[in-house]
PDB file of N, CA and C in Angstrom:
ATOM      1  N   UNK A   1      -4.516 -17.469  10.432  1.00  0.00           N
ATOM      2  CA  UNK A   1      -4.087 -16.093  10.299  1.00  0.00           C
ATOM      3  C   UNK A   1      -3.374 -15.665  11.580  1.00  0.00           C
ATOM      4  N   UNK A   2      -2.230 -15.018  11.419  1.00  0.00           N
ATOM      5  CA  UNK A   2      -1.470 -14.514  12.558  1.00  0.00           C
ATOM      6  C   UNK A   2      -2.223 -13.372  13.232  1.00  0.00           C
ATOM      7  N   UNK A   3      -2.148 -13.310  14.545  1.00  0.00           N
ATOM      8  CA  UNK A   3      -2.817 -12.241  15.279  1.00  0.00           C
ATOM      9  C   UNK A   3      -1.762 -11.352  15.925  1.00  0.00           C
ATOM     10  N   UNK A   4      -2.066 -10.055  15.989  1.00  0.00           N
ATOM     11  CA  UNK A   4      -1.125  -9.095  16.564  1.00  0.00           C
ATOM     12  C   UNK A   4      -1.721  -8.485  17.818  1.00  0.00           C
ATOM     13  N   UNK A   5      -0.921  -8.274  18.873  1.00  0.00           N
ATOM     14  CA  UNK A   5      -1.445  -7.650  20.082  1.00  0.00           C
ATOM     15  C   UNK A   5      -1.704  -6.170  19.860  1.00  0.00           C
ATOM     16  N   UNK A   6      -2.826  -5.704  20.382  1.00  0.00           N
ATOM     17  CA  UNK A   6      -3.178  -4.292  20.309  1.00  0.00           C
ATOM     18  C   UNK A   6      -3.724  -3.893  21.670  1.00  0.00           C
ATOM     19  N   UNK A   7      -3.170  -2.856  22.272  1.00  0.00           N
ATOM     20  CA  UNK A   7      -3.700  -2.350  23.535  1.00  0.00           C
ATOM     21  C   UNK A   7      -3.586  -3.313  24.694  1.00  0.00           C
ATOM     22  N   UNK A   8      -2.410  -3.836  24.932  1.00  0.00           N
ATOM     23  CA  UNK A   8      -2.221  -4.711  26.084  1.00  0.00           C
ATOM     24  C   UNK A   8      -2.621  -6.138  25.764  1.00  0.00           C
ATOM     25  N   UNK A   9      -3.649  -6.664  26.451  1.00  0.00           N
ATOM     26  CA  UNK A   9      -4.015  -8.063  26.260  1.00  0.00           C
ATOM     27  C   UNK A   9      -5.050  -8.257  25.162  1.00  0.00           C
ATOM     28  N   UNK A  10      -5.578  -7.179  24.608  1.00  0.00           N
ATOM     29  CA  UNK A  10      -6.569  -7.304  23.535  1.00  0.00           C
ATOM     30  C   UNK A  10      -5.864  -7.696  22.239  1.00  0.00           C
ATOM     31  N   UNK A  11      -6.552  -8.431  21.377  1.00  0.00           N
ATOM     32  CA  UNK A  11      -5.975  -8.839  20.099  1.00  0.00           C
ATOM     33  C   UNK A  11      -6.892  -8.425  18.963  1.00  0.00           C
ATOM     34  N   UNK A  12      -6.298  -7.946  17.892  1.00  0.00           N
ATOM     35  CA  UNK A  12      -7.023  -7.588  16.674  1.00  0.00           C
ATOM     36  C   UNK A  12      -6.420  -8.401  15.544  1.00  0.00           C
ATOM     37  N   UNK A  13      -7.215  -8.845  14.588  1.00  0.00           N
ATOM     38  CA  UNK A  13      -6.686  -9.629  13.479  1.00  0.00           C
ATOM     39  C   UNK A  13      -6.059  -8.713  12.434  1.00  0.00           C
ATOM     40  N   UNK A  14      -5.227  -9.292  11.597  1.00  0.00           N
ATOM     41  CA  UNK A  14      -4.584  -8.521  10.541  1.00  0.00           C
ATOM     42  C   UNK A  14      -5.600  -7.966   9.558  1.00  0.00           C
ATOM     43  N   UNK A  15      -6.807  -8.534   9.527  1.00  0.00           N
ATOM     44  CA  UNK A  15      -7.826  -8.016   8.617  1.00  0.00           C
ATOM     45  C   UNK A  15      -8.250  -6.608   9.016  1.00  0.00           C
ATOM     46  N   UNK A  16      -7.902  -6.153  10.210  1.00  0.00           N
ATOM     47  CA  UNK A  16      -8.216  -4.799  10.642  1.00  0.00           C
ATOM     48  C   UNK A  16      -7.203  -3.777  10.125  1.00  0.00           C
ATOM     49  N   UNK A  17      -6.206  -4.232   9.401  1.00  0.00           N
ATOM     50  CA  UNK A  17      -5.236  -3.325   8.810  1.00  0.00           C
ATOM     51  C   UNK A  17      -5.666  -3.040   7.382  1.00  0.00           C
ATOM     52  N   UNK A  18      -5.806  -1.772   7.033  1.00  0.00           N
ATOM     53  CA  UNK A  18      -6.215  -1.369   5.694  1.00  0.00           C
ATOM     54  C   UNK A  18      -5.066  -0.617   5.057  1.00  0.00           C
ATOM     55  N   UNK A  19      -4.950  -0.697   3.746  1.00  0.00           N
ATOM     56  CA  UNK A  19      -3.907   0.017   3.027  1.00  0.00           C
ATOM     57  C   UNK A  19      -4.466   1.347   2.559  1.00  0.00           C
ATOM     58  N   UNK A  20      -3.797   2.435   2.921  1.00  0.00           N
ATOM     59  CA  UNK A  20      -4.240   3.773   2.524  1.00  0.00           C
ATOM     60  C   UNK A  20      -3.036   4.547   2.037  1.00  0.00           C
ATOM     61  N   UNK A  21      -2.990   4.784   0.750  1.00  0.00           N
ATOM     62  CA  UNK A  21      -1.904   5.573   0.181  1.00  0.00           C
ATOM     63  C   UNK A  21      -0.536   4.982   0.434  1.00  0.00           C
ATOM     64  N   UNK A  22      -0.403   3.668   0.388  1.00  0.00           N
ATOM     65  CA  UNK A  22       0.877   3.018   0.604  1.00  0.00           C
ATOM     66  C   UNK A  22       1.237   2.837   2.063  1.00  0.00           C
ATOM     67  N   UNK A  23       0.364   3.287   2.970  1.00  0.00           N
ATOM     68  CA  UNK A  23       0.595   3.120   4.401  1.00  0.00           C
ATOM     69  C   UNK A  23      -0.484   2.217   4.963  1.00  0.00           C
ATOM     70  N   UNK A  24      -0.158   1.494   6.012  1.00  0.00           N
ATOM     71  CA  UNK A  24      -1.156   0.653   6.664  1.00  0.00           C
ATOM     72  C   UNK A  24      -1.972   1.474   7.647  1.00  0.00           C
ATOM     73  N   UNK A  25      -3.255   1.165   7.737  1.00  0.00           N
ATOM     74  CA  UNK A  25      -4.127   1.840   8.693  1.00  0.00           C
ATOM     75  C   UNK A  25      -4.780   0.768   9.558  1.00  0.00           C
ATOM     76  N   UNK A  26      -4.605   0.876  10.855  1.00  0.00           N
ATOM     77  CA  UNK A  26      -5.253  -0.025  11.793  1.00  0.00           C
ATOM     78  C   UNK A  26      -6.659   0.486  12.045  1.00  0.00           C
ATOM     79  N   UNK A  27      -7.660  -0.343  11.824  1.00  0.00           N
ATOM     80  CA  UNK A  27      -9.054   0.044  12.029  1.00  0.00           C
ATOM     81  C   UNK A  27      -9.537  -0.603  13.323  1.00  0.00           C
ATOM     82  N   UNK A  28      -9.943   0.228  14.290  1.00  0.00           N
ATOM     83  CA  UNK A  28     -10.388  -0.250  15.597  1.00  0.00           C
ATOM     84  C   UNK A  28     -11.850   0.090  15.833  1.00  0.00           C
ATOM     85  N   UNK A  29     -12.481  -0.668  16.687  1.00  0.00           N
ATOM     86  CA  UNK A  29     -13.834  -0.364  17.127  1.00  0.00           C
ATOM     87  C   UNK A  29     -13.751   0.147  18.552  1.00  0.00           C
ATOM     88  N   UNK A  30     -14.338   1.305  18.823  1.00  0.00           N
ATOM     89  CA  UNK A  30     -14.339   1.904  20.150  1.00  0.00           C
ATOM     90  C   UNK A  30     -15.748   2.367  20.475  1.00  0.00           C
ATOM     91  N   UNK A  31     -16.046   2.494  21.756  1.00  0.00           N
ATOM     92  CA  UNK A  31     -17.327   3.030  22.218  1.00  0.00           C
ATOM     93  C   UNK A  31     -17.097   4.426  22.781  1.00  0.00           C
ATOM     94  N   UNK A  32     -18.160   5.175  22.951  1.00  0.00           N
ATOM     95  CA  UNK A  32     -18.067   6.521  23.520  1.00  0.00           C
ATOM     96  C   UNK A  32     -17.338   6.444  24.861  1.00  0.00           C
ATOM     97  N   UNK A  33     -16.377   7.332  25.022  1.00  0.00           N
ATOM     98  CA  UNK A  33     -15.587   7.386  26.248  1.00  0.00           C
ATOM     99  C   UNK A  33     -14.323   6.553  26.202  1.00  0.00           C
ATOM    100  N   UNK A  34     -14.211   5.653  25.252  1.00  0.00           N
ATOM    101  CA  UNK A  34     -13.013   4.822  25.158  1.00  0.00           C
ATOM    102  C   UNK A  34     -11.899   5.589  24.448  1.00  0.00           C
ATOM    103  N   UNK A  35     -10.666   5.207  24.736  1.00  0.00           N
ATOM    104  CA  UNK A  35      -9.496   5.965  24.295  1.00  0.00           C
ATOM    105  C   UNK A  35      -8.547   5.071  23.509  1.00  0.00           C
ATOM    106  N   UNK A  36      -7.896   5.669  22.527  1.00  0.00           N
ATOM    107  CA  UNK A  36      -6.803   5.040  21.793  1.00  0.00           C
ATOM    108  C   UNK A  36      -5.551   5.846  22.119  1.00  0.00           C
ATOM    109  N   UNK A  37      -4.469   5.167  22.488  1.00  0.00           N
ATOM    110  CA  UNK A  37      -3.214   5.839  22.831  1.00  0.00           C
ATOM    111  C   UNK A  37      -2.217   5.611  21.704  1.00  0.00           C
ATOM    112  N   UNK A  38      -1.607   6.700  21.242  1.00  0.00           N
ATOM    113  CA  UNK A  38      -0.621   6.636  20.167  1.00  0.00           C
ATOM    114  C   UNK A  38       0.723   7.093  20.705  1.00  0.00           C
ATOM    115  N   UNK A  39       1.704   6.234  20.601  1.00  0.00           N
ATOM    116  CA  UNK A  39       3.074   6.558  20.984  1.00  0.00           C
ATOM    117  C   UNK A  39       3.206   7.006  22.436  1.00  0.00           C
ATOM    118  N   UNK A  40       2.280   6.638  23.278  1.00  0.00           N
ATOM    119  CA  UNK A  40       2.368   6.925  24.701  1.00  0.00           C
ATOM    120  C   UNK A  40       1.977   8.321  25.127  1.00  0.00           C
ATOM    121  N   UNK A  41       1.931   9.291  24.193  1.00  0.00           N
ATOM    122  CA  UNK A  41       1.633  10.656  24.610  1.00  0.00           C
ATOM    123  C   UNK A  41       0.511  11.331  23.816  1.00  0.00           C
ATOM    124  N   UNK A  42      -0.116  10.606  22.910  1.00  0.00           N
ATOM    125  CA  UNK A  42      -1.260  11.138  22.170  1.00  0.00           C
ATOM    126  C   UNK A  42      -2.459  10.259  22.492  1.00  0.00           C
ATOM    127  N   UNK A  43      -3.556  10.899  22.914  1.00  0.00           N
ATOM    128  CA  UNK A  43      -4.765  10.158  23.261  1.00  0.00           C
ATOM    129  C   UNK A  43      -5.928  10.634  22.395  1.00  0.00           C
ATOM    130  N   UNK A  44      -6.587   9.679  21.758  1.00  0.00           N
ATOM    131  CA  UNK A  44      -7.755   9.961  20.926  1.00  0.00           C
ATOM    132  C   UNK A  44      -8.952   9.351  21.635  1.00  0.00           C
ATOM    133  N   UNK A  45      -9.916  10.202  22.012  1.00  0.00           N
ATOM    134  CA  UNK A  45     -11.085   9.758  22.764  1.00  0.00           C
ATOM    135  C   UNK A  45     -12.331   9.899  21.903  1.00  0.00           C
ATOM    136  N   UNK A  46     -13.159   8.864  21.883  1.00  0.00           N
ATOM    137  CA  UNK A  46     -14.455   8.953  21.204  1.00  0.00           C
ATOM    138  C   UNK A  46     -15.374   9.734  22.135  1.00  0.00           C
ATOM    139  N   UNK A  47     -15.755  10.947  21.734  1.00  0.00           N
ATOM    140  CA  UNK A  47     -16.565  11.821  22.577  1.00  0.00           C
ATOM    141  C   UNK A  47     -18.059  11.584  22.387  1.00  0.00           C
ATOM    142  N   UNK A  48     -18.496  11.360  21.140  1.00  0.00           N
ATOM    143  CA  UNK A  48     -19.924  11.165  20.871  1.00  0.00           C
ATOM    144  C   UNK A  48     -20.110  10.526  19.507  1.00  0.00           C
ATOM    145  N   UNK A  49     -21.210   9.819  19.353  1.00  0.00           N
ATOM    146  CA  UNK A  49     -21.601   9.251  18.069  1.00  0.00           C
ATOM    147  C   UNK A  49     -23.061   9.607  17.859  1.00  0.00           C
ATOM    148  N   UNK A  50     -23.335  10.299  16.759  1.00  0.00           N
ATOM    149  CA  UNK A  50     -24.711  10.666  16.412  1.00  0.00           C
ATOM    150  C   UNK A  50     -24.924  10.297  14.956  1.00  0.00           C
ATOM    151  N   UNK A  51     -25.659   9.230  14.709  1.00  0.00           N
ATOM    152  CA  UNK A  51     -25.857   8.776  13.340  1.00  0.00           C
ATOM    153  C   UNK A  51     -24.527   8.392  12.730  1.00  0.00           C
ATOM    154  N   UNK A  52     -24.196   9.006  11.605  1.00  0.00           N
ATOM    155  CA  UNK A  52     -22.936   8.716  10.931  1.00  0.00           C
ATOM    156  C   UNK A  52     -21.816   9.666  11.336  1.00  0.00           C
ATOM    157  N   UNK A  53     -22.071  10.560  12.282  1.00  0.00           N
ATOM    158  CA  UNK A  53     -21.061  11.526  12.724  1.00  0.00           C
ATOM    159  C   UNK A  53     -20.431  11.054  14.027  1.00  0.00           C
ATOM    160  N   UNK A  54     -19.123  11.145  14.068  1.00  0.00           N
ATOM    161  CA  UNK A  54     -18.364  10.753  15.259  1.00  0.00           C
ATOM    162  C   UNK A  54     -17.575  11.969  15.719  1.00  0.00           C
ATOM    163  N   UNK A  55     -17.716  12.316  16.990  1.00  0.00           N
ATOM    164  CA  UNK A  55     -16.915  13.407  17.565  1.00  0.00           C
ATOM    165  C   UNK A  55     -15.780  12.770  18.339  1.00  0.00           C
ATOM    166  N   UNK A  56     -14.565  13.270  18.072  1.00  0.00           N
ATOM    167  CA  UNK A  56     -13.407  12.744  18.781  1.00  0.00           C
ATOM    168  C   UNK A  56     -12.661  13.883  19.454  1.00  0.00           C
ATOM    169  N   UNK A  57     -12.013  13.559  20.546  1.00  0.00           N
ATOM    170  CA  UNK A  57     -11.147  14.507  21.230  1.00  0.00           C
ATOM    171  C   UNK A  57      -9.720  14.009  21.121  1.00  0.00           C
ATOM    172  N   UNK A  58      -8.793  14.929  20.903  1.00  0.00           N
ATOM    173  CA  UNK A  58      -7.387  14.556  20.751  1.00  0.00           C
ATOM    174  C   UNK A  58      -6.558  15.349  21.746  1.00  0.00           C
ATOM    175  N   UNK A  59      -5.844  14.648  22.590  1.00  0.00           N
ATOM    176  CA  UNK A  59      -4.924  15.278  23.537  1.00  0.00           C
ATOM    177  C   UNK A  59      -3.511  14.921  23.080  1.00  0.00           C
ATOM    178  N   UNK A  60      -2.731  15.948  22.748  1.00  0.00           N
ATOM    179  CA  UNK A  60      -1.380  15.729  22.232  1.00  0.00           C
ATOM    180  C   UNK A  60      -0.464  16.829  22.749  1.00  0.00           C
ATOM    181  N   UNK A  61       0.841  16.561  22.777  1.00  0.00           N
ATOM    182  CA  UNK A  61       1.791  17.607  23.172  1.00  0.00           C
ATOM    183  C   UNK A  61       1.661  18.817  22.244  1.00  0.00           C
ATOM    184  N   UNK A  62       2.022  19.986  22.746  1.00  0.00           N
ATOM    185  CA  UNK A  62       1.879  21.226  21.970  1.00  0.00           C
ATOM    186  C   UNK A  62       2.668  21.221  20.671  1.00  0.00           C
ATOM    187  N   UNK A  63       3.764  20.471  20.618  1.00  0.00           N
ATOM    188  CA  UNK A  63       4.581  20.459  19.406  1.00  0.00           C
ATOM    189  C   UNK A  63       3.987  19.577  18.302  1.00  0.00           C
ATOM    190  N   UNK A  64       2.910  18.844  18.593  1.00  0.00           N
ATOM    191  CA  UNK A  64       2.267  17.985  17.593  1.00  0.00           C
ATOM    192  C   UNK A  64       1.142  18.768  16.927  1.00  0.00           C
ATOM    193  N   UNK A  65       1.243  18.954  15.612  1.00  0.00           N
ATOM    194  CA  UNK A  65       0.210  19.662  14.852  1.00  0.00           C
ATOM    195  C   UNK A  65      -0.933  18.686  14.584  1.00  0.00           C
ATOM    196  N   UNK A  66      -2.156  19.057  14.984  1.00  0.00           N
ATOM    197  CA  UNK A  66      -3.333  18.217  14.757  1.00  0.00           C
ATOM    198  C   UNK A  66      -4.332  19.018  13.934  1.00  0.00           C
ATOM    199  N   UNK A  67      -4.703  18.507  12.769  1.00  0.00           N
ATOM    200  CA  UNK A  67      -5.645  19.184  11.876  1.00  0.00           C
ATOM    201  C   UNK A  67      -6.612  18.180  11.285  1.00  0.00           C
ATOM    202  N   UNK A  68      -7.779  18.680  10.881  1.00  0.00           N
ATOM    203  CA  UNK A  68      -8.641  17.890  10.005  1.00  0.00           C
ATOM    204  C   UNK A  68      -7.919  17.805   8.668  1.00  0.00           C
ATOM    205  N   UNK A  69      -8.162  16.755   7.910  1.00  0.00           N
ATOM    206  CA  UNK A  69      -7.431  16.558   6.655  1.00  0.00           C
ATOM    207  C   UNK A  69      -7.590  17.734   5.698  1.00  0.00           C
ATOM    208  N   UNK A  70      -8.802  18.284   5.565  1.00  0.00           N
ATOM    209  CA  UNK A  70      -9.002  19.380   4.618  1.00  0.00           C
ATOM    210  C   UNK A  70      -8.255  20.641   5.045  1.00  0.00           C
ATOM    211  N   UNK A  71      -8.114  20.873   6.335  1.00  0.00           N
ATOM    212  CA  UNK A  71      -7.341  22.018   6.829  1.00  0.00           C
ATOM    213  C   UNK A  71      -5.857  21.784   6.562  1.00  0.00           C
ATOM    214  N   UNK A  72      -5.388  20.582   6.825  1.00  0.00           N
ATOM    215  CA  UNK A  72      -3.993  20.235   6.570  1.00  0.00           C
ATOM    216  C   UNK A  72      -3.652  20.432   5.087  1.00  0.00           C
ATOM    217  N   UNK A  73      -4.543  19.947   4.202  1.00  0.00           N
ATOM    218  CA  UNK A  73      -4.283  20.063   2.767  1.00  0.00           C
ATOM    219  C   UNK A  73      -4.252  21.520   2.316  1.00  0.00           C
ATOM    220  N   UNK A  74      -5.144  22.366   2.853  1.00  0.00           N
ATOM    221  CA  UNK A  74      -5.118  23.796   2.513  1.00  0.00           C
ATOM    222  C   UNK A  74      -3.825  24.433   2.999  1.00  0.00           C
ATOM    223  N   UNK A  75      -3.420  24.086   4.211  1.00  0.00           N
ATOM    224  CA  UNK A  75      -2.187  24.648   4.762  1.00  0.00           C
ATOM    225  C   UNK A  75      -0.988  24.243   3.918  1.00  0.00           C
ATOM    226  N   UNK A  76      -0.921  22.986   3.526  1.00  0.00           N
ATOM    227  CA  UNK A  76       0.188  22.508   2.703  1.00  0.00           C
ATOM    228  C   UNK A  76       0.186  23.169   1.329  1.00  0.00           C
ATOM    229  N   UNK A  77      -0.994  23.339   0.746  1.00  0.00           N
ATOM    230  CA  UNK A  77      -1.096  23.947  -0.583  1.00  0.00           C
ATOM    231  C   UNK A  77      -0.692  25.413  -0.560  1.00  0.00           C
ATOM    232  N   UNK A  78      -0.869  26.081   0.575  1.00  0.00           N
ATOM    233  CA  UNK A  78      -0.549  27.504   0.654  1.00  0.00           C
ATOM    234  C   UNK A  78       0.916  27.773   0.990  1.00  0.00           C
ATOM    235  N   UNK A  79       1.664  26.748   1.322  1.00  0.00           N
ATOM    236  CA  UNK A  79       3.087  26.934   1.636  1.00  0.00           C
ATOM    237  C   UNK A  79       3.848  27.309   0.371  1.00  0.00           C
ATOM    238  N   UNK A  80       4.715  28.269   0.522  1.00  0.00           N
ATOM    239  CA  UNK A  80       5.559  28.696  -0.595  1.00  0.00           C
ATOM    240  C   UNK A  80       6.814  27.823  -0.575  1.00  0.00           C
ATOM    241  N   UNK A  81       7.138  27.195  -1.711  1.00  0.00           N
ATOM    242  CA  UNK A  81       8.355  26.375  -1.749  1.00  0.00           C
ATOM    243  C   UNK A  81       9.581  27.205  -1.384  1.00  0.00           C
ATOM    244  N   UNK A  82      10.523  26.612  -0.687  1.00  0.00           N
ATOM    245  CA  UNK A  82      11.708  27.318  -0.198  1.00  0.00           C
ATOM    246  C   UNK A  82      12.472  28.008  -1.314  1.00  0.00           C
ATOM    247  N   UNK A  83      12.545  27.407  -2.495  1.00  0.00           N
ATOM    248  CA  UNK A  83      13.312  28.010  -3.590  1.00  0.00           C
ATOM    249  C   UNK A  83      12.637  29.271  -4.146  1.00  0.00           C
ATOM    250  N   UNK A  84      11.378  29.516  -3.790  1.00  0.00           N
ATOM    251  CA  UNK A  84      10.676  30.729  -4.241  1.00  0.00           C
ATOM    252  C   UNK A  84      10.739  31.864  -3.217  1.00  0.00           C
ATOM    253  N   UNK A  85      11.295  31.610  -2.052  1.00  0.00           N
ATOM    254  CA  UNK A  85      11.394  32.643  -1.021  1.00  0.00           C
ATOM    255  C   UNK A  85      12.530  33.607  -1.343  1.00  0.00           C
ATOM    256  N   UNK A  86      12.297  34.891  -1.058  1.00  0.00           N
ATOM    257  CA  UNK A  86      13.335  35.886  -1.240  1.00  0.00           C
ATOM    258  C   UNK A  86      14.229  35.916  -0.025  1.00  0.00           C
ATOM    259  N   UNK A  87      15.499  36.086  -0.250  1.00  0.00           N
ATOM    260  CA  UNK A  87      16.426  36.222   0.874  1.00  0.00           C
ATOM    261  C   UNK A  87      16.200  37.584   1.514  1.00  0.00           C
ATOM    262  N   UNK A  88      16.182  37.616   2.830  1.00  0.00           N
ATOM    263  CA  UNK A  88      15.993  38.877   3.558  1.00  0.00           C
ATOM    264  C   UNK A  88      17.289  39.197   4.270  1.00  0.00           C
ATOM    265  N   UNK A  89      17.850  40.369   3.975  1.00  0.00           N
ATOM    266  CA  UNK A  89      19.098  40.754   4.637  1.00  0.00           C
ATOM    267  C   UNK A  89      18.787  41.797   5.709  1.00  0.00           C
ATOM    268  N   UNK A  90      19.630  41.823   6.724  1.00  0.00           N
ATOM    269  CA  UNK A  90      19.447  42.764   7.834  1.00  0.00           C
ATOM    270  C   UNK A  90      20.307  43.968   7.675  1.00  0.00           C
TER     271      UNK A  90
END
């Protein structure tokens, strides 16, 4: 099996890639305090693990919207499609 580099000199096998909704998901194992870096400017830190609950911290630029999935889905569902908006004249 081919191996892909992840995080510098560390290697993860392709079996750590999962398919989710037509997109690949890399599944990593981290310990409390360890960080995952995304695109050089987003950092995901494992803050705590209690039983089956994991607390994570996310540091991202202000222009990056970060939401829990259920909040994101509510926000998307509440958006009014552009073709339903009324034109506002000044």
